[in-house]
PDB file of N, CA and C in Angstrom:
ATOM      1  N   MET A   1      27.351 104.093 -73.437  1.00  0.00           N
ATOM      2  CA  MET A   1      27.336 103.533 -74.774  1.00  0.00           C
ATOM      3  C   MET A   1      25.892 103.473 -75.266  1.00  0.00           C
ATOM      4  N   ILE A   2      25.654 104.012 -76.450  1.00  0.00           N
ATOM      5  CA  ILE A   2      24.316 104.020 -77.034  1.00  0.00           C
ATOM      6  C   ILE A   2      24.059 102.666 -77.685  1.00  0.00           C
ATOM      7  N   ARG A   3      22.926 102.077 -77.370  1.00  0.00           N
ATOM      8  CA  ARG A   3      22.577 100.782 -77.932  1.00  0.00           C
ATOM      9  C   ARG A   3      22.286 100.917 -79.420  1.00  0.00           C
ATOM     10  N   ALA A   4      22.629  99.902 -80.197  1.00  0.00           N
ATOM     11  CA  ALA A   4      22.450  99.923 -81.648  1.00  0.00           C
ATOM     12  C   ALA A   4      20.987 100.153 -82.015  1.00  0.00           C
ATOM     13  N   GLY A   5      20.774 100.964 -83.029  1.00  0.00           N
ATOM     14  CA  GLY A   5      19.430 101.221 -83.524  1.00  0.00           C
ATOM     15  C   GLY A   5      18.633 102.232 -82.714  1.00  0.00           C
ATOM     16  N   ARG A   6      19.230 102.824 -81.719  1.00  0.00           N
ATOM     17  CA  ARG A   6      18.520 103.796 -80.881  1.00  0.00           C
ATOM     18  C   ARG A   6      19.002 105.202 -81.184  1.00  0.00           C
ATOM     19  N   ARG A   7      18.119 106.153 -81.047  1.00  0.00           N
ATOM     20  CA  ARG A   7      18.471 107.558 -81.213  1.00  0.00           C
ATOM     21  C   ARG A   7      19.021 108.077 -79.887  1.00  0.00           C
ATOM     22  N   ALA A   8      20.164 108.706 -79.933  1.00  0.00           N
ATOM     23  CA  ALA A   8      20.784 109.246 -78.727  1.00  0.00           C
ATOM     24  C   ALA A   8      20.041 110.496 -78.273  1.00  0.00           C
ATOM     25  N   VAL A   9      20.004 110.727 -76.971  1.00  0.00           N
ATOM     26  CA  VAL A   9      19.296 111.870 -76.406  1.00  0.00           C
ATOM     27  C   VAL A   9      20.244 112.678 -75.527  1.00  0.00           C
ATOM     28  N   VAL A  10      20.186 113.988 -75.707  1.00  0.00           N
ATOM     29  CA  VAL A  10      20.847 114.916 -74.801  1.00  0.00           C
ATOM     30  C   VAL A  10      19.730 115.656 -74.082  1.00  0.00           C
ATOM     31  N   ILE A  11      19.718 115.597 -72.766  1.00  0.00           N
ATOM     32  CA  ILE A  11      18.709 116.297 -71.983  1.00  0.00           C
ATOM     33  C   ILE A  11      19.299 117.608 -71.504  1.00  0.00           C
ATOM     34  N   SER A  12      18.586 118.679 -71.761  1.00  0.00           N
ATOM     35  CA  SER A  12      19.030 120.009 -71.372  1.00  0.00           C
ATOM     36  C   SER A  12      18.103 120.533 -70.288  1.00  0.00           C
ATOM     37  N   LEU A  13      18.646 120.812 -69.119  1.00  0.00           N
ATOM     38  CA  LEU A  13      17.855 121.327 -68.008  1.00  0.00           C
ATOM     39  C   LEU A  13      18.010 122.843 -67.991  1.00  0.00           C
ATOM     40  N   VAL A  14      16.963 123.542 -68.409  1.00  0.00           N
ATOM     41  CA  VAL A  14      17.023 124.990 -68.603  1.00  0.00           C
ATOM     42  C   VAL A  14      16.297 125.686 -67.463  1.00  0.00           C
ATOM     43  N   GLU A  15      17.064 126.385 -66.642  1.00  0.00           N
ATOM     44  CA  GLU A  15      16.479 127.125 -65.530  1.00  0.00           C
ATOM     45  C   GLU A  15      16.561 128.628 -65.734  1.00  0.00           C
ATOM     46  N   ARG A  16      17.548 129.092 -66.480  1.00  0.00           N
ATOM     47  CA  ARG A  16      17.786 130.532 -66.628  1.00  0.00           C
ATOM     48  C   ARG A  16      18.036 130.900 -68.080  1.00  0.00           C
ATOM     49  N   GLY A  17      17.061 130.790 -68.922  1.00  0.00           N
ATOM     50  CA  GLY A  17      17.231 131.149 -70.325  1.00  0.00           C
ATOM     51  C   GLY A  17      17.663 129.960 -71.159  1.00  0.00           C
ATOM     52  N   TRP A  18      17.098 129.832 -72.321  1.00  0.00           N
ATOM     53  CA  TRP A  18      17.291 128.645 -73.136  1.00  0.00           C
ATOM     54  C   TRP A  18      18.210 128.869 -74.326  1.00  0.00           C
ATOM     55  N   GLN A  19      18.630 130.097 -74.611  1.00  0.00           N
ATOM     56  CA  GLN A  19      19.365 130.393 -75.839  1.00  0.00           C
ATOM     57  C   GLN A  19      20.689 129.631 -75.956  1.00  0.00           C
ATOM     58  N   ALA A  20      21.520 129.636 -74.931  1.00  0.00           N
ATOM     59  CA  ALA A  20      22.817 128.951 -75.007  1.00  0.00           C
ATOM     60  C   ALA A  20      22.632 127.446 -75.189  1.00  0.00           C
ATOM     61  N   ALA A  21      21.671 126.876 -74.488  1.00  0.00           N
ATOM     62  CA  ALA A  21      21.418 125.438 -74.615  1.00  0.00           C
ATOM     63  C   ALA A  21      20.921 125.096 -76.017  1.00  0.00           C
ATOM     64  N   ARG A  22      20.066 125.942 -76.559  1.00  0.00           N
ATOM     65  CA  ARG A  22      19.549 125.691 -77.910  1.00  0.00           C
ATOM     66  C   ARG A  22      20.670 125.791 -78.939  1.00  0.00           C
ATOM     67  N   GLU A  23      21.551 126.764 -78.809  1.00  0.00           N
ATOM     68  CA  GLU A  23      22.684 126.886 -79.727  1.00  0.00           C
ATOM     69  C   GLU A  23      23.563 125.642 -79.669  1.00  0.00           C
ATOM     70  N   HIS A  24      23.773 125.113 -78.474  1.00  0.00           N
ATOM     71  CA  HIS A  24      24.565 123.894 -78.324  1.00  0.00           C
ATOM     72  C   HIS A  24      23.871 122.719 -79.009  1.00  0.00           C
ATOM     73  N   SER A  25      22.561 122.633 -78.872  1.00  0.00           N
ATOM     74  CA  SER A  25      21.843 121.522 -79.491  1.00  0.00           C
ATOM     75  C   SER A  25      21.829 121.645 -81.013  1.00  0.00           C
ATOM     76  N   LEU A  26      21.885 122.862 -81.541  1.00  0.00           N
ATOM     77  CA  LEU A  26      21.975 123.033 -82.998  1.00  0.00           C
ATOM     78  C   LEU A  26      23.282 122.459 -83.530  1.00  0.00           C
ATOM     79  N   LYS A  27      24.347 122.541 -82.745  1.00  0.00           N
ATOM     80  CA  LYS A  27      25.630 121.957 -83.142  1.00  0.00           C
ATOM     81  C   LYS A  27      25.538 120.434 -83.218  1.00  0.00           C
ATOM     82  N   LEU A  28      24.692 119.837 -82.373  1.00  0.00           N
ATOM     83  CA  LEU A  28      24.534 118.379 -82.348  1.00  0.00           C
ATOM     84  C   LEU A  28      23.561 117.879 -83.408  1.00  0.00           C
ATOM     85  N   GLN A  29      22.879 118.776 -84.077  1.00  0.00           N
ATOM     86  CA  GLN A  29      21.789 118.468 -84.997  1.00  0.00           C
ATOM     87  C   GLN A  29      22.172 117.473 -86.085  1.00  0.00           C
ATOM     88  N   GLY A  30      23.400 117.511 -86.585  1.00  0.00           N
ATOM     89  CA  GLY A  30      23.790 116.706 -87.732  1.00  0.00           C
ATOM     90  C   GLY A  30      23.685 115.207 -87.542  1.00  0.00           C
ATOM     91  N   GLY A  31      24.042 114.693 -86.395  1.00  0.00           N
ATOM     92  CA  GLY A  31      24.044 113.247 -86.173  1.00  0.00           C
ATOM     93  C   GLY A  31      22.673 112.729 -85.798  1.00  0.00           C
ATOM     94  N   CYS A  32      22.663 111.586 -85.164  1.00  0.00           N
ATOM     95  CA  CYS A  32      21.388 110.997 -84.748  1.00  0.00           C
ATOM     96  C   CYS A  32      21.156 111.306 -83.273  1.00  0.00           C
ATOM     97  N   VAL A  33      21.280 112.582 -82.930  1.00  0.00           N
ATOM     98  CA  VAL A  33      21.118 113.013 -81.549  1.00  0.00           C
ATOM     99  C   VAL A  33      19.886 113.900 -81.445  1.00  0.00           C
ATOM    100  N   GLU A  34      19.014 113.587 -80.511  1.00  0.00           N
ATOM    101  CA  GLU A  34      17.846 114.407 -80.229  1.00  0.00           C
ATOM    102  C   GLU A  34      18.127 115.197 -78.956  1.00  0.00           C
ATOM    103  N   SER A  35      17.822 116.489 -78.975  1.00  0.00           N
ATOM    104  CA  SER A  35      17.980 117.324 -77.786  1.00  0.00           C
ATOM    105  C   SER A  35      16.605 117.612 -77.206  1.00  0.00           C
ATOM    106  N   VAL A  36      16.458 117.381 -75.919  1.00  0.00           N
ATOM    107  CA  VAL A  36      15.210 117.665 -75.224  1.00  0.00           C
ATOM    108  C   VAL A  36      15.515 118.741 -74.190  1.00  0.00           C
ATOM    109  N   HIS A  37      14.949 119.923 -74.371  1.00  0.00           N
ATOM    110  CA  HIS A  37      15.153 121.026 -73.437  1.00  0.00           C
ATOM    111  C   HIS A  37      13.990 121.039 -72.453  1.00  0.00           C
ATOM    112  N   VAL A  38      14.276 120.757 -71.210  1.00  0.00           N
ATOM    113  CA  VAL A  38      13.273 120.787 -70.151  1.00  0.00           C
ATOM    114  C   VAL A  38      13.399 122.164 -69.505  1.00  0.00           C
ATOM    115  N   ILE A  39      12.391 123.011 -69.724  1.00  0.00           N
ATOM    116  CA  ILE A  39      12.430 124.398 -69.290  1.00  0.00           C
ATOM    117  C   ILE A  39      11.635 124.557 -68.006  1.00  0.00           C
ATOM    118  N   LYS A  40      12.277 125.111 -66.980  1.00  0.00           N
ATOM    119  CA  LYS A  40      11.619 125.317 -65.691  1.00  0.00           C
ATOM    120  C   LYS A  40      10.681 126.525 -65.803  1.00  0.00           C
ATOM    121  N   GLY A  41       9.413 126.300 -65.509  1.00  0.00           N
ATOM    122  CA  GLY A  41       8.417 127.372 -65.555  1.00  0.00           C
ATOM    123  C   GLY A  41       7.651 127.350 -66.862  1.00  0.00           C
ATOM    124  N   SER A  42       6.573 128.096 -66.884  1.00  0.00           N
ATOM    125  CA  SER A  42       5.733 128.115 -68.078  1.00  0.00           C
ATOM    126  C   SER A  42       6.306 129.065 -69.115  1.00  0.00           C
ATOM    127  N   VAL A  43       6.180 128.655 -70.356  1.00  0.00           N
ATOM    128  CA  VAL A  43       6.614 129.460 -71.487  1.00  0.00           C
ATOM    129  C   VAL A  43       5.371 129.682 -72.352  1.00  0.00           C
ATOM    130  N   PRO A  44       5.022 130.931 -72.618  1.00  0.00           N
ATOM    131  CA  PRO A  44       3.835 131.203 -73.429  1.00  0.00           C
ATOM    132  C   PRO A  44       3.928 130.531 -74.802  1.00  0.00           C
ATOM    133  N   ALA A  45       2.779 130.125 -75.322  1.00  0.00           N
ATOM    134  CA  ALA A  45       2.729 129.424 -76.609  1.00  0.00           C
ATOM    135  C   ALA A  45       3.321 130.260 -77.737  1.00  0.00           C
ATOM    136  N   ASP A  46       3.108 131.579 -77.710  1.00  0.00           N
ATOM    137  CA  ASP A  46       3.652 132.409 -78.782  1.00  0.00           C
ATOM    138  C   ASP A  46       5.180 132.425 -78.755  1.00  0.00           C
ATOM    139  N   VAL A  47       5.768 132.352 -77.561  1.00  0.00           N
ATOM    140  CA  VAL A  47       7.234 132.298 -77.447  1.00  0.00           C
ATOM    141  C   VAL A  47       7.738 130.952 -77.956  1.00  0.00           C
ATOM    142  N   LEU A  48       7.062 129.866 -77.581  1.00  0.00           N
ATOM    143  CA  LEU A  48       7.449 128.553 -78.091  1.00  0.00           C
ATOM    144  C   LEU A  48       7.359 128.522 -79.616  1.00  0.00           C
ATOM    145  N   GLY A  49       6.354 129.191 -80.169  1.00  0.00           N
ATOM    146  CA  GLY A  49       6.208 129.263 -81.615  1.00  0.00           C
ATOM    147  C   GLY A  49       7.345 130.021 -82.274  1.00  0.00           C
ATOM    148  N   MET A  50       7.838 131.078 -81.621  1.00  0.00           N
ATOM    149  CA  MET A  50       8.956 131.853 -82.172  1.00  0.00           C
ATOM    150  C   MET A  50      10.242 131.035 -82.170  1.00  0.00           C
ATOM    151  N   ILE A  51      10.394 130.191 -81.178  1.00  0.00           N
ATOM    152  CA  ILE A  51      11.606 129.383 -81.076  1.00  0.00           C
ATOM    153  C   ILE A  51      11.673 128.398 -82.241  1.00  0.00           C
ATOM    154  N   ALA A  52      10.505 127.929 -82.671  1.00  0.00           N
ATOM    155  CA  ALA A  52      10.381 127.032 -83.826  1.00  0.00           C
ATOM    156  C   ALA A  52      11.416 125.915 -83.823  1.00  0.00           C
ATOM    157  N   PRO A  53      11.279 124.956 -82.931  1.00  0.00           N
ATOM    158  CA  PRO A  53      12.270 123.884 -82.852  1.00  0.00           C
ATOM    159  C   PRO A  53      12.322 123.032 -84.119  1.00  0.00           C
ATOM    160  N   LEU A  54      13.477 122.515 -84.374  1.00  0.00           N
ATOM    161  CA  LEU A  54      13.684 121.601 -85.485  1.00  0.00           C
ATOM    162  C   LEU A  54      13.226 120.211 -85.061  1.00  0.00           C
ATOM    163  N   PRO A  55      13.081 119.278 -86.009  1.00  0.00           N
ATOM    164  CA  PRO A  55      12.578 117.940 -85.648  1.00  0.00           C
ATOM    165  C   PRO A  55      13.353 117.243 -84.537  1.00  0.00           C
ATOM    166  N   ALA A  56      14.647 117.445 -84.462  1.00  0.00           N
ATOM    167  CA  ALA A  56      15.447 116.743 -83.449  1.00  0.00           C
ATOM    168  C   ALA A  56      15.649 117.583 -82.194  1.00  0.00           C
ATOM    169  N   ILE A  57      14.915 118.695 -82.066  1.00  0.00           N
ATOM    170  CA  ILE A  57      15.016 119.540 -80.880  1.00  0.00           C
ATOM    171  C   ILE A  57      13.611 119.705 -80.318  1.00  0.00           C
ATOM    172  N   ARG A  58      13.419 119.268 -79.081  1.00  0.00           N
ATOM    173  CA  ARG A  58      12.122 119.411 -78.422  1.00  0.00           C
ATOM    174  C   ARG A  58      12.244 120.348 -77.241  1.00  0.00           C
ATOM    175  N   LEU A  59      11.228 121.154 -77.041  1.00  0.00           N
ATOM    176  CA  LEU A  59      11.148 122.048 -75.892  1.00  0.00           C
ATOM    177  C   LEU A  59       9.974 121.607 -75.043  1.00  0.00           C
ATOM    178  N   VAL A  60      10.223 121.382 -73.766  1.00  0.00           N
ATOM    179  CA  VAL A  60       9.187 120.949 -72.844  1.00  0.00           C
ATOM    180  C   VAL A  60       9.147 121.939 -71.687  1.00  0.00           C
ATOM    181  N   SER A  61       8.046 122.659 -71.569  1.00  0.00           N
ATOM    182  CA  SER A  61       7.868 123.615 -70.483  1.00  0.00           C
ATOM    183  C   SER A  61       7.219 122.887 -69.311  1.00  0.00           C
ATOM    184  N   VAL A  62       7.851 122.974 -68.132  1.00  0.00           N
ATOM    185  CA  VAL A  62       7.404 122.224 -66.962  1.00  0.00           C
ATOM    186  C   VAL A  62       7.179 123.189 -65.798  1.00  0.00           C
ATOM    187  N   ALA A  63       6.073 123.014 -65.099  1.00  0.00           N
ATOM    188  CA  ALA A  63       5.811 123.832 -63.910  1.00  0.00           C
ATOM    189  C   ALA A  63       6.959 123.673 -62.923  1.00  0.00           C
ATOM    190  N   ARG A  64       7.283 124.743 -62.229  1.00  0.00           N
ATOM    191  CA  ARG A  64       8.409 124.731 -61.292  1.00  0.00           C
ATOM    192  C   ARG A  64       8.315 123.569 -60.296  1.00  0.00           C
ATOM    193  N   THR A  65       7.117 123.276 -59.835  1.00  0.00           N
ATOM    194  CA  THR A  65       6.905 122.204 -58.862  1.00  0.00           C
ATOM    195  C   THR A  65       7.333 120.845 -59.406  1.00  0.00           C
ATOM    196  N   TRP A  66       7.129 120.610 -60.696  1.00  0.00           N
ATOM    197  CA  TRP A  66       7.396 119.316 -61.307  1.00  0.00           C
ATOM    198  C   TRP A  66       8.737 119.234 -62.024  1.00  0.00           C
ATOM    199  N   PHE A  67       9.484 120.334 -62.051  1.00  0.00           N
ATOM    200  CA  PHE A  67      10.734 120.357 -62.817  1.00  0.00           C
ATOM    201  C   PHE A  67      11.721 119.283 -62.365  1.00  0.00           C
ATOM    202  N   TRP A  68      12.071 119.269 -61.079  1.00  0.00           N
ATOM    203  CA  TRP A  68      13.082 118.297 -60.619  1.00  0.00           C
ATOM    204  C   TRP A  68      12.606 116.855 -60.663  1.00  0.00           C
ATOM    205  N   PRO A  69      11.373 116.546 -60.226  1.00  0.00           N
ATOM    206  CA  PRO A  69      10.942 115.139 -60.362  1.00  0.00           C
ATOM    207  C   PRO A  69      10.959 114.664 -61.817  1.00  0.00           C
ATOM    208  N   LEU A  70      10.525 115.526 -62.744  1.00  0.00           N
ATOM    209  CA  LEU A  70      10.531 115.139 -64.148  1.00  0.00           C
ATOM    210  C   LEU A  70      11.958 115.021 -64.683  1.00  0.00           C
ATOM    211  N   ALA A  71      12.814 115.963 -64.327  1.00  0.00           N
ATOM    212  CA  ALA A  71      14.199 115.942 -64.802  1.00  0.00           C
ATOM    213  C   ALA A  71      14.922 114.682 -64.335  1.00  0.00           C
ATOM    214  N   ILE A  72      14.778 114.349 -63.065  1.00  0.00           N
ATOM    215  CA  ILE A  72      15.415 113.137 -62.531  1.00  0.00           C
ATOM    216  C   ILE A  72      14.863 111.895 -63.225  1.00  0.00           C
ATOM    217  N   GLY A  73      13.551 111.824 -63.308  1.00  0.00           N
ATOM    218  CA  GLY A  73      12.919 110.667 -63.943  1.00  0.00           C
ATOM    219  C   GLY A  73      13.324 110.502 -65.393  1.00  0.00           C
ATOM    220  N   TRP A  74      13.326 111.595 -66.147  1.00  0.00           N
ATOM    221  CA  TRP A  74      13.677 111.532 -67.562  1.00  0.00           C
ATOM    222  C   TRP A  74      15.133 111.112 -67.744  1.00  0.00           C
ATOM    223  N   ALA A  75      16.031 111.681 -66.954  1.00  0.00           N
ATOM    224  CA  ALA A  75      17.449 111.327 -67.069  1.00  0.00           C
ATOM    225  C   ALA A  75      17.688 109.856 -66.716  1.00  0.00           C
ATOM    226  N   LEU A  76      17.086 109.393 -65.645  1.00  0.00           N
ATOM    227  CA  LEU A  76      17.276 107.997 -65.245  1.00  0.00           C
ATOM    228  C   LEU A  76      16.639 107.034 -66.249  1.00  0.00           C
ATOM    229  N   TRP A  77      15.474 107.402 -66.793  1.00  0.00           N
ATOM    230  CA  TRP A  77      14.807 106.575 -67.805  1.00  0.00           C
ATOM    231  C   TRP A  77      15.676 106.467 -69.059  1.00  0.00           C
ATOM    232  N   ALA A  78      16.207 107.599 -69.529  1.00  0.00           N
ATOM    233  CA  ALA A  78      17.051 107.589 -70.730  1.00  0.00           C
ATOM    234  C   ALA A  78      18.343 106.812 -70.479  1.00  0.00           C
ATOM    235  N   ARG A  79      18.880 106.954 -69.286  1.00  0.00           N
ATOM    236  CA  ARG A  79      20.094 106.198 -68.932  1.00  0.00           C
ATOM    237  C   ARG A  79      19.793 104.706 -68.918  1.00  0.00           C
ATOM    238  N   TRP A  80      18.680 104.309 -68.327  1.00  0.00           N
ATOM    239  CA  TRP A  80      18.280 102.904 -68.261  1.00  0.00           C
ATOM    240  C   TRP A  80      18.077 102.326 -69.661  1.00  0.00           C
ATOM    241  N   ARG A  81      17.482 103.109 -70.559  1.00  0.00           N
ATOM    242  CA  ARG A  81      17.259 102.653 -71.938  1.00  0.00           C
ATOM    243  C   ARG A  81      18.532 102.640 -72.764  1.00  0.00           C
ATOM    244  N   GLY A  82      19.583 103.260 -72.248  1.00  0.00           N
ATOM    245  CA  GLY A  82      20.848 103.275 -72.967  1.00  0.00           C
ATOM    246  C   GLY A  82      20.912 104.302 -74.080  1.00  0.00           C
ATOM    247  N   ILE A  83      20.110 105.375 -73.979  1.00  0.00           N
ATOM    248  CA  ILE A  83      20.092 106.386 -75.038  1.00  0.00           C
ATOM    249  C   ILE A  83      20.640 107.735 -74.581  1.00  0.00           C
ATOM    250  N   LEU A  84      20.886 107.907 -73.298  1.00  0.00           N
ATOM    251  CA  LEU A  84      21.363 109.196 -72.788  1.00  0.00           C
ATOM    252  C   LEU A  84      22.841 109.356 -73.116  1.00  0.00           C
ATOM    253  N   CYS A  85      23.159 110.410 -73.861  1.00  0.00           N
ATOM    254  CA  CYS A  85      24.569 110.620 -74.216  1.00  0.00           C
ATOM    255  C   CYS A  85      25.108 111.927 -73.660  1.00  0.00           C
ATOM    256  N   GLY A  86      24.294 112.661 -72.906  1.00  0.00           N
ATOM    257  CA  GLY A  86      24.785 113.882 -72.283  1.00  0.00           C
ATOM    258  C   GLY A  86      23.674 114.671 -71.632  1.00  0.00           C
ATOM    259  N   VAL A  87      24.066 115.540 -70.717  1.00  0.00           N
ATOM    260  CA  VAL A  87      23.123 116.434 -70.046  1.00  0.00           C
ATOM    261  C   VAL A  87      23.727 117.833 -70.086  1.00  0.00           C
ATOM    262  N   LEU A  88      22.922 118.806 -70.517  1.00  0.00           N
ATOM    263  CA  LEU A  88      23.327 120.202 -70.518  1.00  0.00           C
ATOM    264  C   LEU A  88      22.672 120.894 -69.337  1.00  0.00           C
ATOM    265  N   VAL A  89      23.423 121.722 -68.649  1.00  0.00           N
ATOM    266  CA  VAL A  89      22.889 122.479 -67.515  1.00  0.00           C
ATOM    267  C   VAL A  89      23.311 123.936 -67.666  1.00  0.00           C
ATOM    268  N   ASP A  90      22.660 124.821 -66.916  1.00  0.00           N
ATOM    269  CA  ASP A  90      23.005 126.238 -67.060  1.00  0.00           C
ATOM    270  C   ASP A  90      23.480 126.896 -65.774  1.00  0.00           C
ATOM    271  N   ASN A  91      23.746 126.097 -64.743  1.00  0.00           N
ATOM    272  CA  ASN A  91      24.324 126.674 -63.525  1.00  0.00           C
ATOM    273  C   ASN A  91      25.074 125.592 -62.740  1.00  0.00           C
ATOM    274  N   THR A  92      25.950 126.049 -61.860  1.00  0.00           N
ATOM    275  CA  THR A  92      26.843 125.152 -61.116  1.00  0.00           C
ATOM    276  C   THR A  92      26.088 124.215 -60.180  1.00  0.00           C
ATOM    277  N   ARG A  93      25.095 124.729 -59.497  1.00  0.00           N
ATOM    278  CA  ARG A  93      24.342 123.899 -58.543  1.00  0.00           C
ATOM    279  C   ARG A  93      23.658 122.728 -59.254  1.00  0.00           C
ATOM    280  N   THR A  94      23.047 123.002 -60.394  1.00  0.00           N
ATOM    281  CA  THR A  94      22.412 121.936 -61.168  1.00  0.00           C
ATOM    282  C   THR A  94      23.452 120.952 -61.676  1.00  0.00           C
ATOM    283  N   GLN A  95      24.597 121.453 -62.093  1.00  0.00           N
ATOM    284  CA  GLN A  95      25.658 120.583 -62.573  1.00  0.00           C
ATOM    285  C   GLN A  95      26.087 119.607 -61.476  1.00  0.00           C
ATOM    286  N   GLN A  96      26.263 120.096 -60.266  1.00  0.00           N
ATOM    287  CA  GLN A  96      26.651 119.231 -59.149  1.00  0.00           C
ATOM    288  C   GLN A  96      25.580 118.178 -58.873  1.00  0.00           C
ATOM    289  N   ARG A  97      24.328 118.577 -58.930  1.00  0.00           N
ATOM    290  CA  ARG A  97      23.213 117.646 -58.677  1.00  0.00           C
ATOM    291  C   ARG A  97      23.187 116.538 -59.731  1.00  0.00           C
ATOM    292  N   VAL A  98      23.320 116.913 -60.997  1.00  0.00           N
ATOM    293  CA  VAL A  98      23.252 115.929 -62.079  1.00  0.00           C
ATOM    294  C   VAL A  98      24.454 114.988 -62.044  1.00  0.00           C
ATOM    295  N   VAL A  99      25.626 115.509 -61.704  1.00  0.00           N
ATOM    296  CA  VAL A  99      26.807 114.650 -61.575  1.00  0.00           C
ATOM    297  C   VAL A  99      26.560 113.574 -60.529  1.00  0.00           C
ATOM    298  N   ARG A 100      25.874 113.918 -59.440  1.00  0.00           N
ATOM    299  CA  ARG A 100      25.536 112.913 -58.404  1.00  0.00           C
ATOM    300  C   ARG A 100      24.598 111.852 -58.969  1.00  0.00           C
ATOM    301  N   TRP A 101      23.597 112.247 -59.787  1.00  0.00           N
ATOM    302  CA  TRP A 101      22.665 111.267 -60.377  1.00  0.00           C
ATOM    303  C   TRP A 101      23.392 110.285 -61.269  1.00  0.00           C
ATOM    304  N   LEU A 102      24.373 110.795 -62.016  1.00  0.00           N
ATOM    305  CA  LEU A 102      25.037 109.982 -63.032  1.00  0.00           C
ATOM    306  C   LEU A 102      26.369 109.414 -62.554  1.00  0.00           C
ATOM    307  N   HIS A 103      26.580 109.438 -61.263  1.00  0.00           N
ATOM    308  CA  HIS A 103      27.831 108.942 -60.669  1.00  0.00           C
ATOM    309  C   HIS A 103      28.132 107.541 -61.190  1.00  0.00           C
ATOM    310  N   GLY A 104      29.359 107.336 -61.588  1.00  0.00           N
ATOM    311  CA  GLY A 104      29.776 106.026 -62.057  1.00  0.00           C
ATOM    312  C   GLY A 104      29.516 105.767 -63.529  1.00  0.00           C
ATOM    313  N   THR A 105      29.075 106.779 -64.265  1.00  0.00           N
ATOM    314  CA  THR A 105      28.859 106.601 -65.700  1.00  0.00           C
ATOM    315  C   THR A 105      29.808 107.518 -66.467  1.00  0.00           C
ATOM    316  N   ALA A 106      29.901 107.281 -67.751  1.00  0.00           N
ATOM    317  CA  ALA A 106      30.741 108.112 -68.612  1.00  0.00           C
ATOM    318  C   ALA A 106      29.925 109.191 -69.311  1.00  0.00           C
ATOM    319  N   ILE A 107      28.697 109.422 -68.862  1.00  0.00           N
ATOM    320  CA  ILE A 107      27.817 110.406 -69.497  1.00  0.00           C
ATOM    321  C   ILE A 107      28.278 111.807 -69.098  1.00  0.00           C
ATOM    322  N   PRO A 108      28.603 112.642 -70.088  1.00  0.00           N
ATOM    323  CA  PRO A 108      29.104 113.983 -69.751  1.00  0.00           C
ATOM    324  C   PRO A 108      27.988 114.933 -69.313  1.00  0.00           C
ATOM    325  N   VAL A 109      28.321 115.790 -68.367  1.00  0.00           N
ATOM    326  CA  VAL A 109      27.428 116.862 -67.915  1.00  0.00           C
ATOM    327  C   VAL A 109      28.124 118.158 -68.307  1.00  0.00           C
ATOM    328  N   THR A 110      27.503 118.934 -69.192  1.00  0.00           N
ATOM    329  CA  THR A 110      28.125 120.130 -69.746  1.00  0.00           C
ATOM    330  C   THR A 110      27.379 121.367 -69.301  1.00  0.00           C
ATOM    331  N   ARG A 111      28.119 122.344 -68.815  1.00  0.00           N
ATOM    332  CA  ARG A 111      27.514 123.622 -68.446  1.00  0.00           C
ATOM    333  C   ARG A 111      27.603 124.546 -69.641  1.00  0.00           C
ATOM    334  N   VAL A 112      26.460 125.083 -70.047  1.00  0.00           N
ATOM    335  CA  VAL A 112      26.413 126.021 -71.184  1.00  0.00           C
ATOM    336  C   VAL A 112      26.062 127.417 -70.724  1.00  0.00           C
TER     337      VAL A 112
END
């Protein structure tokens, strides 16, 4: 349940291409939902510029070494604040891992 007055967040863990996750976040654009795409590995600045995110869509490029610690921390922080309304993943292994983190909650984990 999203706390009153807070912007809902969908965290997208992108390991293998960001296009499907970005298309999904564009569908969520209308409401008060912010999508944060955490991309594993470095993305050149010119590519980030071409993606041209909208105000409610953020792209965060993270070094492979820091991807999982940041992803876990961000998801748990958003859950603790009561703003996490979903997690997007792009493979089965990640989906299983995230389901374990969110065990006992009604937060959906969607594979795109």
